[in-house]
C-alpha cells in the first residue's frame, strides 16, 4: 500500500461510521487495533498515526476506504479485481489502461491521498 494511504488509515477508521454500516462494537475493535502498542526492538509504544506494516487491521481499513473507488470503476465500465489494498484493472489495450490509470489518479486527487 502507498505509504501515504497507510498513514491516513486513522482518518479512514474515524470516518468508518459514514463509510460502512457498523455498530459500536466493530468501531471499537478498529479503534482498539489502531491504539494497540507496537514493539520496536525491546521497547513498546502507542502509535500516533498509521498502522504497523503488515498489521492485521490494514486489509480491513483498506477495504473500507477503497470501496469508494470500486463504484467509479464500475461507472466507467472498468473491470477490477481487488483484494484488500491490491487491485488489478483488466484492460484489453494500452489506451484503455491509460484511461483507467487516469480515472484512478482523478479519484485519488479527490480523496485524502
PDB file of N, CA and C in Angstrom:
ATOM      1  N   UNK A   1       0.851  -1.174   0.000  1.00  0.00           N
ATOM      2  CA  UNK A   1       0.000   0.000   0.000  1.00  0.00           C
ATOM      3  C   UNK A   1       0.891   1.228   0.000  1.00  0.00           C
ATOM      4  N   UNK A   2       0.417   2.283  -0.613  1.00  0.00           N
ATOM      5  CA  UNK A   2       1.171   3.523  -0.616  1.00  0.00           C
ATOM      6  C   UNK A   2       1.394   3.998   0.810  1.00  0.00           C
ATOM      7  N   UNK A   3       2.582   4.510   1.089  1.00  0.00           N
ATOM      8  CA  UNK A   3       2.886   4.979   2.438  1.00  0.00           C
ATOM      9  C   UNK A   3       1.897   6.052   2.885  1.00  0.00           C
ATOM     10  N   UNK A   4       1.500   6.930   1.974  1.00  0.00           N
ATOM     11  CA  UNK A   4       0.546   7.974   2.317  1.00  0.00           C
ATOM     12  C   UNK A   4      -0.769   7.369   2.760  1.00  0.00           C
ATOM     13  N   UNK A   5      -1.241   6.383   2.005  1.00  0.00           N
ATOM     14  CA  UNK A   5      -2.502   5.737   2.368  1.00  0.00           C
ATOM     15  C   UNK A   5      -2.375   5.068   3.726  1.00  0.00           C
ATOM     16  N   UNK A   6      -1.242   4.436   3.968  1.00  0.00           N
ATOM     17  CA  UNK A   6      -1.018   3.772   5.250  1.00  0.00           C
ATOM     18  C   UNK A   6      -1.122   4.763   6.394  1.00  0.00           C
ATOM     19  N   UNK A   7      -0.561   5.937   6.226  1.00  0.00           N
ATOM     20  CA  UNK A   7      -0.571   6.919   7.308  1.00  0.00           C
ATOM     21  C   UNK A   7      -1.931   7.563   7.510  1.00  0.00           C
ATOM     22  N   UNK A   8      -2.840   7.421   6.555  1.00  0.00           N
ATOM     23  CA  UNK A   8      -4.154   8.040   6.662  1.00  0.00           C
ATOM     24  C   UNK A   8      -5.226   7.073   7.141  1.00  0.00           C
ATOM     25  N   UNK A   9      -4.849   5.857   7.513  1.00  0.00           N
ATOM     26  CA  UNK A   9      -5.851   4.887   7.916  1.00  0.00           C
ATOM     27  C   UNK A   9      -6.559   5.272   9.211  1.00  0.00           C
ATOM     28  N   UNK A  10      -5.912   6.064  10.062  1.00  0.00           N
ATOM     29  CA  UNK A  10      -6.614   6.564  11.243  1.00  0.00           C
ATOM     30  C   UNK A  10      -7.820   7.404  10.811  1.00  0.00           C
ATOM     31  N   UNK A  11      -7.630   8.226   9.791  1.00  0.00           N
ATOM     32  CA  UNK A  11      -8.731   9.025   9.275  1.00  0.00           C
ATOM     33  C   UNK A  11      -9.846   8.124   8.764  1.00  0.00           C
ATOM     34  N   UNK A  12      -9.481   7.092   8.018  1.00  0.00           N
ATOM     35  CA  UNK A  12     -10.470   6.154   7.480  1.00  0.00           C
ATOM     36  C   UNK A  12     -11.269   5.534   8.603  1.00  0.00           C
ATOM     37  N   UNK A  13     -10.593   5.081   9.633  1.00  0.00           N
ATOM     38  CA  UNK A  13     -11.301   4.473  10.759  1.00  0.00           C
ATOM     39  C   UNK A  13     -12.218   5.483  11.416  1.00  0.00           C
ATOM     40  N   UNK A  14     -11.773   6.710  11.519  1.00  0.00           N
ATOM     41  CA  UNK A  14     -12.614   7.748  12.099  1.00  0.00           C
ATOM     42  C   UNK A  14     -13.839   8.034  11.263  1.00  0.00           C
ATOM     43  N   UNK A  15     -13.742   7.819   9.970  1.00  0.00           N
ATOM     44  CA  UNK A  15     -14.862   8.041   9.071  1.00  0.00           C
ATOM     45  C   UNK A  15     -15.684   6.780   8.825  1.00  0.00           C
ATOM     46  N   UNK A  16     -15.331   5.671   9.464  1.00  0.00           N
ATOM     47  CA  UNK A  16     -15.979   4.390   9.198  1.00  0.00           C
ATOM     48  C   UNK A  16     -17.486   4.451   9.387  1.00  0.00           C
ATOM     49  N   UNK A  17     -17.942   5.250  10.334  1.00  0.00           N
ATOM     50  CA  UNK A  17     -19.386   5.360  10.554  1.00  0.00           C
ATOM     51  C   UNK A  17     -20.095   5.842   9.297  1.00  0.00           C
ATOM     52  N   UNK A  18     -19.445   6.720   8.535  1.00  0.00           N
ATOM     53  CA  UNK A  18     -20.051   7.238   7.312  1.00  0.00           C
ATOM     54  C   UNK A  18     -19.842   6.324   6.119  1.00  0.00           C
ATOM     55  N   UNK A  19     -18.849   5.446   6.198  1.00  0.00           N
ATOM     56  CA  UNK A  19     -18.495   4.624   5.045  1.00  0.00           C
ATOM     57  C   UNK A  19     -19.196   3.275   5.025  1.00  0.00           C
ATOM     58  N   UNK A  20     -19.382   2.695   6.163  1.00  0.00           N
ATOM     59  CA  UNK A  20     -19.999   1.369   6.232  1.00  0.00           C
ATOM     60  C   UNK A  20     -20.950   1.310   7.415  1.00  0.00           C
ATOM     61  N   UNK A  21     -22.021   0.529   7.256  1.00  0.00           N
ATOM     62  CA  UNK A  21     -22.880   0.346   8.419  1.00  0.00           C
ATOM     63  C   UNK A  21     -22.151  -0.522   9.441  1.00  0.00           C
ATOM     64  N   UNK A  22     -22.004  -0.023  10.623  1.00  0.00           N
ATOM     65  CA  UNK A  22     -21.304  -0.785  11.657  1.00  0.00           C
ATOM     66  C   UNK A  22     -21.854  -0.381  13.013  1.00  0.00           C
ATOM     67  N   UNK A  23     -21.863  -1.326  13.910  1.00  0.00           N
ATOM     68  CA  UNK A  23     -22.277  -0.968  15.257  1.00  0.00           C
ATOM     69  C   UNK A  23     -21.054  -0.555  16.067  1.00  0.00           C
ATOM     70  N   UNK A  24     -21.284  -0.089  17.265  1.00  0.00           N
ATOM     71  CA  UNK A  24     -20.202   0.407  18.104  1.00  0.00           C
ATOM     72  C   UNK A  24     -19.152  -0.631  18.402  1.00  0.00           C
ATOM     73  N   UNK A  25     -19.535  -1.911  18.426  1.00  0.00           N
ATOM     74  CA  UNK A  25     -18.554  -2.961  18.715  1.00  0.00           C
ATOM     75  C   UNK A  25     -17.505  -3.049  17.621  1.00  0.00           C
ATOM     76  N   UNK A  26     -17.943  -2.974  16.366  1.00  0.00           N
ATOM     77  CA  UNK A  26     -16.987  -3.043  15.247  1.00  0.00           C
ATOM     78  C   UNK A  26     -16.057  -1.843  15.282  1.00  0.00           C
ATOM     79  N   UNK A  27     -16.625  -0.664  15.472  1.00  0.00           N
ATOM     80  CA  UNK A  27     -15.796   0.535  15.529  1.00  0.00           C
ATOM     81  C   UNK A  27     -14.859   0.497  16.723  1.00  0.00           C
ATOM     82  N   UNK A  28     -15.315  -0.107  17.822  1.00  0.00           N
ATOM     83  CA  UNK A  28     -14.462  -0.254  19.000  1.00  0.00           C
ATOM     84  C   UNK A  28     -13.279  -1.172  18.733  1.00  0.00           C
ATOM     85  N   UNK A  29     -13.516  -2.235  17.977  1.00  0.00           N
ATOM     86  CA  UNK A  29     -12.431  -3.156  17.618  1.00  0.00           C
ATOM     87  C   UNK A  29     -11.410  -2.434  16.744  1.00  0.00           C
ATOM     88  N   UNK A  30     -11.895  -1.689  15.752  1.00  0.00           N
ATOM     89  CA  UNK A  30     -10.988  -0.934  14.880  1.00  0.00           C
ATOM     90  C   UNK A  30     -10.170   0.055  15.710  1.00  0.00           C
ATOM     91  N   UNK A  31     -10.833   0.783  16.570  1.00  0.00           N
ATOM     92  CA  UNK A  31     -10.147   1.750  17.420  1.00  0.00           C
ATOM     93  C   UNK A  31      -9.106   1.067  18.302  1.00  0.00           C
ATOM     94  N   UNK A  32      -9.454  -0.096  18.840  1.00  0.00           N
ATOM     95  CA  UNK A  32      -8.510  -0.844  19.671  1.00  0.00           C
ATOM     96  C   UNK A  32      -7.262  -1.253  18.910  1.00  0.00           C
ATOM     97  N   UNK A  33      -7.445  -1.716  17.677  1.00  0.00           N
ATOM     98  CA  UNK A  33      -6.286  -2.086  16.858  1.00  0.00           C
ATOM     99  C   UNK A  33      -5.405  -0.876  16.576  1.00  0.00           C
ATOM    100  N   UNK A  34      -6.027   0.263  16.301  1.00  0.00           N
ATOM    101  CA  UNK A  34      -5.247   1.460  15.974  1.00  0.00           C
ATOM    102  C   UNK A  34      -4.490   2.006  17.172  1.00  0.00           C
ATOM    103  N   UNK A  35      -5.009   1.766  18.376  1.00  0.00           N
ATOM    104  CA  UNK A  35      -4.360   2.272  19.586  1.00  0.00           C
ATOM    105  C   UNK A  35      -3.450   1.239  20.251  1.00  0.00           C
ATOM    106  N   UNK A  36      -3.418   0.032  19.717  1.00  0.00           N
ATOM    107  CA  UNK A  36      -2.599  -1.021  20.316  1.00  0.00           C
ATOM    108  C   UNK A  36      -1.119  -0.656  20.243  1.00  0.00           C
ATOM    109  N   UNK A  37      -0.407  -0.961  21.290  1.00  0.00           N
ATOM    110  CA  UNK A  37       1.023  -0.683  21.307  1.00  0.00           C
ATOM    111  C   UNK A  37       1.749  -1.566  20.310  1.00  0.00           C
ATOM    112  N   UNK A  38       2.837  -1.056  19.783  1.00  0.00           N
ATOM    113  CA  UNK A  38       3.680  -1.806  18.855  1.00  0.00           C
ATOM    114  C   UNK A  38       5.060  -1.954  19.471  1.00  0.00           C
ATOM    115  N   UNK A  39       5.721  -3.049  19.139  1.00  0.00           N
ATOM    116  CA  UNK A  39       7.071  -3.300  19.648  1.00  0.00           C
ATOM    117  C   UNK A  39       8.093  -2.834  18.625  1.00  0.00           C
ATOM    118  N   UNK A  40       9.069  -2.108  19.106  1.00  0.00           N
ATOM    119  CA  UNK A  40      10.228  -1.715  18.305  1.00  0.00           C
ATOM    120  C   UNK A  40      11.443  -2.136  19.098  1.00  0.00           C
ATOM    121  N   UNK A  41      12.026  -3.250  18.699  1.00  0.00           N
ATOM    122  CA  UNK A  41      13.097  -3.830  19.490  1.00  0.00           C
ATOM    123  C   UNK A  41      12.521  -4.342  20.793  1.00  0.00           C
ATOM    124  N   UNK A  42      13.047  -3.857  21.918  1.00  0.00           N
ATOM    125  CA  UNK A  42      12.526  -4.266  23.225  1.00  0.00           C
ATOM    126  C   UNK A  42      11.595  -3.218  23.823  1.00  0.00           C
ATOM    127  N   UNK A  43      11.355  -2.162  23.080  1.00  0.00           N
ATOM    128  CA  UNK A  43      10.502  -1.070  23.560  1.00  0.00           C
ATOM    129  C   UNK A  43       9.117  -1.171  22.920  1.00  0.00           C
ATOM    130  N   UNK A  44       8.098  -0.795  23.670  1.00  0.00           N
ATOM    131  CA  UNK A  44       6.758  -0.715  23.103  1.00  0.00           C
ATOM    132  C   UNK A  44       6.288   0.738  23.166  1.00  0.00           C
ATOM    133  N   UNK A  45       5.458   1.089  22.198  1.00  0.00           N
ATOM    134  CA  UNK A  45       4.921   2.447  22.154  1.00  0.00           C
ATOM    135  C   UNK A  45       3.555   2.408  21.487  1.00  0.00           C
ATOM    136  N   UNK A  46       2.750   3.418  21.801  1.00  0.00           N
ATOM    137  CA  UNK A  46       1.457   3.565  21.141  1.00  0.00           C
ATOM    138  C   UNK A  46       1.673   4.414  19.899  1.00  0.00           C
ATOM    139  N   UNK A  47       1.270   3.926  18.728  1.00  0.00           N
ATOM    140  CA  UNK A  47       1.491   4.705  17.506  1.00  0.00           C
ATOM    141  C   UNK A  47       0.644   5.964  17.500  1.00  0.00           C
ATOM    142  N   UNK A  48       1.178   7.034  16.907  1.00  0.00           N
ATOM    143  CA  UNK A  48       0.418   8.277  16.820  1.00  0.00           C
ATOM    144  C   UNK A  48      -0.293   8.425  15.482  1.00  0.00           C
ATOM    145  N   UNK A  49       0.046   7.570  14.513  1.00  0.00           N
ATOM    146  CA  UNK A  49      -0.636   7.586  13.219  1.00  0.00           C
ATOM    147  C   UNK A  49      -0.362   6.277  12.485  1.00  0.00           C
ATOM    148  N   UNK A  50      -1.169   5.988  11.502  1.00  0.00           N
ATOM    149  CA  UNK A  50      -0.976   4.817  10.658  1.00  0.00           C
ATOM    150  C   UNK A  50      -1.166   3.510  11.396  1.00  0.00           C
ATOM    151  N   UNK A  51      -0.821   2.451  10.707  1.00  0.00           N
ATOM    152  CA  UNK A  51      -0.871   1.113  11.282  1.00  0.00           C
ATOM    153  C   UNK A  51       0.471   0.460  11.041  1.00  0.00           C
ATOM    154  N   UNK A  52       0.853  -0.494  11.865  1.00  0.00           N
ATOM    155  CA  UNK A  52       2.125  -1.175  11.623  1.00  0.00           C
ATOM    156  C   UNK A  52       2.113  -1.875  10.266  1.00  0.00           C
ATOM    157  N   UNK A  53       3.246  -1.837   9.581  1.00  0.00           N
ATOM    158  CA  UNK A  53       3.353  -2.523   8.298  1.00  0.00           C
ATOM    159  C   UNK A  53       2.999  -3.995   8.496  1.00  0.00           C
ATOM    160  N   UNK A  54       2.074  -4.483   7.706  1.00  0.00           N
ATOM    161  CA  UNK A  54       1.645  -5.872   7.834  1.00  0.00           C
ATOM    162  C   UNK A  54       0.670  -6.100   8.974  1.00  0.00           C
ATOM    163  N   UNK A  55       0.183  -5.022   9.573  1.00  0.00           N
ATOM    164  CA  UNK A  55      -0.767  -5.158  10.671  1.00  0.00           C
ATOM    165  C   UNK A  55      -2.053  -5.821  10.203  1.00  0.00           C
ATOM    166  N   UNK A  56      -2.677  -6.557  11.098  1.00  0.00           N
ATOM    167  CA  UNK A  56      -3.861  -7.320  10.713  1.00  0.00           C
ATOM    168  C   UNK A  56      -5.060  -6.432  10.400  1.00  0.00           C
ATOM    169  N   UNK A  57      -5.066  -5.199  10.839  1.00  0.00           N
ATOM    170  CA  UNK A  57      -6.204  -4.309  10.598  1.00  0.00           C
ATOM    171  C   UNK A  57      -6.097  -3.603   9.246  1.00  0.00           C
ATOM    172  N   UNK A  58      -4.915  -3.534   8.658  1.00  0.00           N
ATOM    173  CA  UNK A  58      -4.727  -2.811   7.401  1.00  0.00           C
ATOM    174  C   UNK A  58      -5.635  -3.297   6.273  1.00  0.00           C
ATOM    175  N   UNK A  59      -5.780  -4.604   6.039  1.00  0.00           N
ATOM    176  CA  UNK A  59      -6.669  -5.033   4.956  1.00  0.00           C
ATOM    177  C   UNK A  59      -8.119  -4.601   5.163  1.00  0.00           C
ATOM    178  N   UNK A  60      -8.606  -4.649   6.400  1.00  0.00           N
ATOM    179  CA  UNK A  60      -9.973  -4.226   6.678  1.00  0.00           C
ATOM    180  C   UNK A  60     -10.143  -2.745   6.375  1.00  0.00           C
ATOM    181  N   UNK A  61      -9.222  -1.920   6.848  1.00  0.00           N
ATOM    182  CA  UNK A  61      -9.329  -0.484   6.610  1.00  0.00           C
ATOM    183  C   UNK A  61      -9.169  -0.157   5.130  1.00  0.00           C
ATOM    184  N   UNK A  62      -8.301  -0.872   4.448  1.00  0.00           N
ATOM    185  CA  UNK A  62      -8.146  -0.664   3.005  1.00  0.00           C
ATOM    186  C   UNK A  62      -9.447  -0.988   2.286  1.00  0.00           C
ATOM    187  N   UNK A  63     -10.101  -2.071   2.679  1.00  0.00           N
ATOM    188  CA  UNK A  63     -11.376  -2.416   2.049  1.00  0.00           C
ATOM    189  C   UNK A  63     -12.441  -1.368   2.316  1.00  0.00           C
ATOM    190  N   UNK A  64     -12.493  -0.853   3.535  1.00  0.00           N
ATOM    191  CA  UNK A  64     -13.464   0.196   3.858  1.00  0.00           C
ATOM    192  C   UNK A  64     -13.213   1.417   2.984  1.00  0.00           C
ATOM    193  N   UNK A  65     -11.968   1.821   2.906  1.00  0.00           N
ATOM    194  CA  UNK A  65     -11.618   3.032   2.170  1.00  0.00           C
ATOM    195  C   UNK A  65     -11.769   2.841   0.652  1.00  0.00           C
ATOM    196  N   UNK A  66     -11.230   1.748   0.125  1.00  0.00           N
ATOM    197  CA  UNK A  66     -11.211   1.548  -1.322  1.00  0.00           C
ATOM    198  C   UNK A  66     -12.554   1.121  -1.890  1.00  0.00           C
ATOM    199  N   UNK A  67     -13.494   0.784  -1.035  1.00  0.00           N
ATOM    200  CA  UNK A  67     -14.842   0.503  -1.523  1.00  0.00           C
ATOM    201  C   UNK A  67     -15.367   1.701  -2.309  1.00  0.00           C
ATOM    202  N   UNK A  68     -14.966   2.900  -1.896  1.00  0.00           N
ATOM    203  CA  UNK A  68     -15.403   4.114  -2.596  1.00  0.00           C
ATOM    204  C   UNK A  68     -14.770   4.251  -3.972  1.00  0.00           C
ATOM    205  N   UNK A  69     -13.678   3.539  -4.236  1.00  0.00           N
ATOM    206  CA  UNK A  69     -13.074   3.542  -5.572  1.00  0.00           C
ATOM    207  C   UNK A  69     -13.776   2.546  -6.485  1.00  0.00           C
ATOM    208  N   UNK A  70     -14.319   1.492  -5.920  1.00  0.00           N
ATOM    209  CA  UNK A  70     -14.980   0.467  -6.733  1.00  0.00           C
ATOM    210  C   UNK A  70     -16.114   1.051  -7.568  1.00  0.00           C
ATOM    211  N   UNK A  71     -16.880   1.958  -6.998  1.00  0.00           N
ATOM    212  CA  UNK A  71     -18.053   2.500  -7.696  1.00  0.00           C
ATOM    213  C   UNK A  71     -17.685   3.303  -8.934  1.00  0.00           C
ATOM    214  N   UNK A  72     -16.733   4.228  -8.883  1.00  0.00           N
ATOM    215  CA  UNK A  72     -16.368   4.932 -10.120  1.00  0.00           C
ATOM    216  C   UNK A  72     -15.781   3.987 -11.175  1.00  0.00           C
ATOM    217  N   UNK A  73     -15.119   2.945 -10.735  1.00  0.00           N
ATOM    218  CA  UNK A  73     -14.581   1.987 -11.697  1.00  0.00           C
ATOM    219  C   UNK A  73     -15.726   1.309 -12.445  1.00  0.00           C
ATOM    220  N   UNK A  74     -16.756   0.906 -11.727  1.00  0.00           N
ATOM    221  CA  UNK A  74     -17.930   0.273 -12.359  1.00  0.00           C
ATOM    222  C   UNK A  74     -18.632   1.270 -13.272  1.00  0.00           C
ATOM    223  N   UNK A  75     -18.807   2.506 -12.796  1.00  0.00           N
ATOM    224  CA  UNK A  75     -19.481   3.529 -13.591  1.00  0.00           C
ATOM    225  C   UNK A  75     -18.755   3.791 -14.910  1.00  0.00           C
ATOM    226  N   UNK A  76     -17.442   3.628 -14.917  1.00  0.00           N
ATOM    227  CA  UNK A  76     -16.641   3.833 -16.127  1.00  0.00           C
ATOM    228  C   UNK A  76     -16.399   2.531 -16.883  1.00  0.00           C
ATOM    229  N   UNK A  77     -17.173   1.515 -16.529  1.00  0.00           N
ATOM    230  CA  UNK A  77     -17.105   0.204 -17.195  1.00  0.00           C
ATOM    231  C   UNK A  77     -15.702  -0.386 -17.185  1.00  0.00           C
ATOM    232  N   UNK A  78     -15.018  -0.216 -16.061  1.00  0.00           N
ATOM    233  CA  UNK A  78     -13.689  -0.783 -15.881  1.00  0.00           C
ATOM    234  C   UNK A  78     -13.801  -1.993 -14.966  1.00  0.00           C
ATOM    235  N   UNK A  79     -13.296  -3.114 -15.425  1.00  0.00           N
ATOM    236  CA  UNK A  79     -13.336  -4.334 -14.631  1.00  0.00           C
ATOM    237  C   UNK A  79     -12.117  -4.384 -13.720  1.00  0.00           C
ATOM    238  N   UNK A  80     -12.369  -4.644 -12.453  1.00  0.00           N
ATOM    239  CA  UNK A  80     -11.281  -4.705 -11.494  1.00  0.00           C
ATOM    240  C   UNK A  80     -11.400  -5.956 -10.645  1.00  0.00           C
ATOM    241  N   UNK A  81     -10.261  -6.370 -10.137  1.00  0.00           N
ATOM    242  CA  UNK A  81     -10.190  -7.414  -9.132  1.00  0.00           C
ATOM    243  C   UNK A  81      -9.396  -6.806  -7.992  1.00  0.00           C
ATOM    244  N   UNK A  82     -10.002  -6.808  -6.803  1.00  0.00           N
ATOM    245  CA  UNK A  82      -9.334  -6.186  -5.669  1.00  0.00           C
ATOM    246  C   UNK A  82      -9.387  -7.103  -4.471  1.00  0.00           C
ATOM    247  N   UNK A  83      -8.265  -7.180  -3.777  1.00  0.00           N
ATOM    248  CA  UNK A  83      -8.174  -7.903  -2.516  1.00  0.00           C
ATOM    249  C   UNK A  83      -7.452  -6.995  -1.548  1.00  0.00           C
ATOM    250  N   UNK A  84      -8.200  -6.476  -0.585  1.00  0.00           N
ATOM    251  CA  UNK A  84      -7.662  -5.522   0.389  1.00  0.00           C
ATOM    252  C   UNK A  84      -7.069  -4.333  -0.347  1.00  0.00           C
ATOM    253  N   UNK A  85      -5.762  -4.105  -0.239  1.00  0.00           N
ATOM    254  CA  UNK A  85      -5.168  -2.923  -0.863  1.00  0.00           C
ATOM    255  C   UNK A  85      -4.486  -3.223  -2.189  1.00  0.00           C
ATOM    256  N   UNK A  86      -4.691  -4.409  -2.729  1.00  0.00           N
ATOM    257  CA  UNK A  86      -4.164  -4.761  -4.051  1.00  0.00           C
ATOM    258  C   UNK A  86      -5.300  -4.703  -5.060  1.00  0.00           C
ATOM    259  N   UNK A  87      -5.022  -4.174  -6.256  1.00  0.00           N
ATOM    260  CA  UNK A  87      -6.048  -4.087  -7.277  1.00  0.00           C
ATOM    261  C   UNK A  87      -5.429  -4.303  -8.650  1.00  0.00           C
ATOM    262  N   UNK A  88      -6.155  -5.036  -9.485  1.00  0.00           N
ATOM    263  CA  UNK A  88      -5.782  -5.231 -10.882  1.00  0.00           C
ATOM    264  C   UNK A  88      -6.930  -4.683 -11.717  1.00  0.00           C
ATOM    265  N   UNK A  89      -6.613  -3.856 -12.702  1.00  0.00           N
ATOM    266  CA  UNK A  89      -7.615  -3.344 -13.631  1.00  0.00           C
ATOM    267  C   UNK A  89      -7.424  -4.105 -14.933  1.00  0.00           C
ATOM    268  N   UNK A  90      -8.487  -4.737 -15.385  1.00  0.00           N
ATOM    269  CA  UNK A  90      -8.423  -5.568 -16.588  1.00  0.00           C
ATOM    270  C   UNK A  90      -8.728  -4.717 -17.815  1.00  0.00           C
ATOM    271  N   UNK A  91      -7.752  -4.610 -18.719  1.00  0.00           N
ATOM    272  CA  UNK A  91      -7.897  -3.791 -19.925  1.00  0.00           C
ATOM    273  C   UNK A  91      -7.449  -4.592 -21.136  1.00  0.00           C
ATOM    274  N   UNK A  92      -8.115  -4.351 -22.263  1.00  0.00           N
ATOM    275  CA  UNK A  92      -7.777  -5.071 -23.498  1.00  0.00           C
ATOM    276  C   UNK A  92      -6.650  -4.408 -24.291  1.00  0.00           C
ATOM    277  N   UNK A  93      -6.410  -3.132 -24.033  1.00  0.00           N
ATOM    278  CA  UNK A  93      -5.344  -2.462 -24.777  1.00  0.00           C
ATOM    279  C   UNK A  93      -4.724  -1.351 -23.927  1.00  0.00           C
ATOM    280  N   UNK A  94      -3.634  -0.817 -24.426  1.00  0.00           N
ATOM    281  CA  UNK A  94      -2.868   0.204 -23.717  1.00  0.00           C
ATOM    282  C   UNK A  94      -3.688   1.479 -23.504  1.00  0.00           C
ATOM    283  N   UNK A  95      -4.476   1.855 -24.501  1.00  0.00           N
ATOM    284  CA  UNK A  95      -5.288   3.067 -24.389  1.00  0.00           C
ATOM    285  C   UNK A  95      -6.301   2.942 -23.242  1.00  0.00           C
ATOM    286  N   UNK A  96      -6.951   1.816 -23.149  1.00  0.00           N
ATOM    287  CA  UNK A  96      -7.910   1.586 -22.066  1.00  0.00           C
ATOM    288  C   UNK A  96      -7.189   1.599 -20.712  1.00  0.00           C
ATOM    289  N   UNK A  97      -5.991   1.025 -20.665  1.00  0.00           N
ATOM    290  CA  UNK A  97      -5.216   1.000 -19.419  1.00  0.00           C
ATOM    291  C   UNK A  97      -4.825   2.416 -19.002  1.00  0.00           C
ATOM    292  N   UNK A  98      -4.415   3.229 -19.948  1.00  0.00           N
ATOM    293  CA  UNK A  98      -4.066   4.620 -19.622  1.00  0.00           C
ATOM    294  C   UNK A  98      -5.286   5.383 -19.116  1.00  0.00           C
ATOM    295  N   UNK A  99      -6.438   5.146 -19.733  1.00  0.00           N
ATOM    296  CA  UNK A  99      -7.669   5.783 -19.273  1.00  0.00           C
ATOM    297  C   UNK A  99      -8.033   5.351 -17.865  1.00  0.00           C
ATOM    298  N   UNK A 100      -7.854   4.071 -17.568  1.00  0.00           N
ATOM    299  CA  UNK A 100      -8.138   3.551 -16.227  1.00  0.00           C
ATOM    300  C   UNK A 100      -7.204   4.190 -15.202  1.00  0.00           C
ATOM    301  N   UNK A 101      -5.938   4.289 -15.545  1.00  0.00           N
ATOM    302  CA  UNK A 101      -4.975   4.918 -14.647  1.00  0.00           C
ATOM    303  C   UNK A 101      -5.354   6.372 -14.378  1.00  0.00           C
ATOM    304  N   UNK A 102      -5.799   7.074 -15.402  1.00  0.00           N
ATOM    305  CA  UNK A 102      -6.212   8.462 -15.229  1.00  0.00           C
ATOM    306  C   UNK A 102      -7.429   8.557 -14.311  1.00  0.00           C
ATOM    307  N   UNK A 103      -8.381   7.654 -14.449  1.00  0.00           N
ATOM    308  CA  UNK A 103      -9.562   7.649 -13.566  1.00  0.00           C
ATOM    309  C   UNK A 103      -9.145   7.418 -12.109  1.00  0.00           C
ATOM    310  N   UNK A 104      -8.207   6.519 -11.901  1.00  0.00           N
ATOM    311  CA  UNK A 104      -7.735   6.248 -10.537  1.00  0.00           C
ATOM    312  C   UNK A 104      -7.018   7.474  -9.988  1.00  0.00           C
ATOM    313  N   UNK A 105      -6.197   8.117 -10.806  1.00  0.00           N
ATOM    314  CA  UNK A 105      -5.500   9.335 -10.359  1.00  0.00           C
ATOM    315  C   UNK A 105      -6.494  10.441 -10.008  1.00  0.00           C
ATOM    316  N   UNK A 106      -7.534  10.604 -10.828  1.00  0.00           N
ATOM    317  CA  UNK A 106      -8.564  11.606 -10.543  1.00  0.00           C
ATOM    318  C   UNK A 106      -9.233  11.302  -9.207  1.00  0.00           C
ATOM    319  N   UNK A 107      -9.556  10.039  -8.985  1.00  0.00           N
ATOM    320  CA  UNK A 107     -10.202   9.648  -7.735  1.00  0.00           C
ATOM    321  C   UNK A 107      -9.289   9.942  -6.547  1.00  0.00           C
ATOM    322  N   UNK A 108      -8.014   9.599  -6.695  1.00  0.00           N
ATOM    323  CA  UNK A 108      -7.067   9.821  -5.603  1.00  0.00           C
ATOM    324  C   UNK A 108      -6.913  11.312  -5.305  1.00  0.00           C
ATOM    325  N   UNK A 109      -6.934  12.142  -6.351  1.00  0.00           N
ATOM    326  CA  UNK A 109      -6.800  13.586  -6.153  1.00  0.00           C
ATOM    327  C   UNK A 109      -7.992  14.154  -5.370  1.00  0.00           C
ATOM    328  N   UNK A 110      -9.141  13.515  -5.502  1.00  0.00           N
ATOM    329  CA  UNK A 110     -10.344  13.972  -4.798  1.00  0.00           C
ATOM    330  C   UNK A 110     -10.428  13.461  -3.378  1.00  0.00           C
ATOM    331  N   UNK A 111      -9.596  12.508  -3.042  1.00  0.00           N
ATOM    332  CA  UNK A 111      -9.618  11.925  -1.707  1.00  0.00           C
ATOM    333  C   UNK A 111      -8.459  12.463  -0.901  1.00  0.00           C
ATOM    334  N   UNK A 112      -8.263  11.914   0.276  1.00  0.00           N
ATOM    335  CA  UNK A 112      -7.191  12.386   1.151  1.00  0.00           C
ATOM    336  C   UNK A 112      -5.821  11.927   0.708  1.00  0.00           C
ATOM    337  N   UNK A 113      -5.746  11.063  -0.293  1.00  0.00           N
ATOM    338  CA  UNK A 113      -4.431  10.577  -0.711  1.00  0.00           C
ATOM    339  C   UNK A 113      -3.702  11.665  -1.440  1.00  0.00           C
TER     340      UNK A 113
END
